[in-house]
Amino acid sequence: MALGAFLLIGFLTPLTGALISAAGIFSALLSQNDSIAVEIYTIILAAAIFLLGPGAFSLDARLFGRREIVIAKSAPDK
């Protein structure tokens, strides 16, 4: 429940997403059911959150600053 709360407020988002993904993998490996669709969805969503990172209004953005990736329109001339 703590990891879900951390994701909700956007605190340590990459670490939290990785931990939830690891917990989903562990749960899927220990699952006795034939259908493990819920565990697979959890793993995919946690991995997506891990890769996307925190949002603009998250606690991470407030604590560590917002990051902006600037993509150049063309390659610089040499």
Protein backbone atom coordinates (compact mmCIF):
# COMPACT_ATOMS: atom_id res chain seq x y z
CA MET A 1 0.00 0.00 0.00
CA ALA A 2 2.92 2.31 0.68
CA LEU A 3 4.21 1.89 -2.88
CA GLY A 4 0.79 2.78 -4.24
CA ALA A 5 0.72 5.90 -2.10
CA PHE A 6 4.20 6.85 -3.32
CA LEU A 7 3.02 6.52 -6.92
CA LEU A 8 -0.08 8.55 -6.18
CA ILE A 9 1.91 11.53 -4.91
CA GLY A 10 4.82 10.98 -7.30
CA PHE A 11 7.53 10.29 -4.73
CA LEU A 12 10.59 8.37 -5.97
CA THR A 13 8.64 7.34 -9.03
CA PRO A 14 11.33 5.34 -10.89
CA LEU A 15 12.28 3.35 -7.78
CA THR A 16 8.65 2.77 -6.85
CA GLY A 17 7.78 1.63 -10.37
CA ALA A 18 10.70 -0.80 -10.38
CA LEU A 19 9.69 -2.22 -6.98
CA ILE A 20 6.08 -2.70 -8.06
CA SER A 21 7.23 -4.37 -11.27
CA ALA A 22 9.49 -6.71 -9.29
CA ALA A 23 6.62 -7.51 -6.92
CA GLY A 24 4.40 -8.27 -9.93
CA ILE A 25 6.99 -10.62 -11.39
CA PHE A 26 7.37 -12.36 -8.02
CA SER A 27 3.58 -12.65 -7.72
CA ALA A 28 3.28 -14.05 -11.25
CA LEU A 29 5.94 -16.67 -10.54
CA LEU A 30 4.20 -17.81 -7.36
CA SER A 31 0.71 -17.73 -8.86
CA GLN A 32 -1.10 -21.07 -8.90
CA ASN A 33 -3.80 -19.86 -11.31
CA ASP A 34 -3.78 -20.60 -15.01
CA SER A 35 -4.71 -16.99 -15.75
CA ILE A 36 -2.03 -14.54 -14.71
CA ALA A 37 -3.38 -11.63 -16.73
CA VAL A 38 -3.67 -9.31 -13.73
CA GLU A 39 -0.03 -9.84 -12.81
CA ILE A 40 1.06 -9.22 -16.39
CA TYR A 41 -0.93 -5.98 -16.54
CA THR A 42 0.62 -4.88 -13.25
CA ILE A 43 4.11 -5.58 -14.55
CA ILE A 44 3.49 -3.70 -17.80
CA LEU A 45 1.96 -0.67 -16.08
CA ALA A 46 4.69 -0.48 -13.46
CA ALA A 47 7.36 -0.73 -16.15
CA ALA A 48 5.70 2.07 -18.12
CA ILE A 49 5.61 4.28 -15.03
CA PHE A 50 9.26 3.42 -14.35
CA LEU A 51 10.25 4.43 -17.88
CA LEU A 52 8.09 7.57 -18.08
CA GLY A 53 9.08 8.93 -14.69
CA PRO A 54 7.29 11.50 -12.57
CA GLY A 55 4.88 14.08 -13.91
CA ALA A 56 5.12 17.85 -13.78
CA PHE A 57 3.00 18.14 -10.64
CA SER A 58 4.62 15.28 -8.69
CA LEU A 59 6.53 15.48 -5.44
CA ASP A 60 9.67 14.44 -7.34
CA ALA A 61 9.36 17.50 -9.57
CA ARG A 62 8.95 19.69 -6.50
CA LEU A 63 11.92 18.18 -4.63
CA PHE A 64 14.40 17.62 -7.46
CA GLY A 65 13.23 20.14 -10.07
CA ARG A 66 11.51 19.63 -13.39
CA ARG A 67 13.60 18.28 -16.22
CA GLU A 68 13.01 19.24 -19.82
CA ILE A 69 14.47 17.44 -22.78
CA VAL A 70 15.16 19.77 -25.68
CA ILE A 71 15.41 18.14 -29.09
CA ALA A 72 17.34 20.16 -31.63
CA LYS A 73 15.55 20.90 -34.90
CA SER A 74 18.63 20.09 -36.95
CA ALA A 75 22.16 18.87 -36.36
CA PRO A 76 24.70 21.62 -35.76
CA ASP A 77 27.00 22.39 -38.69
CA LYS A 78 30.69 21.63 -38.27
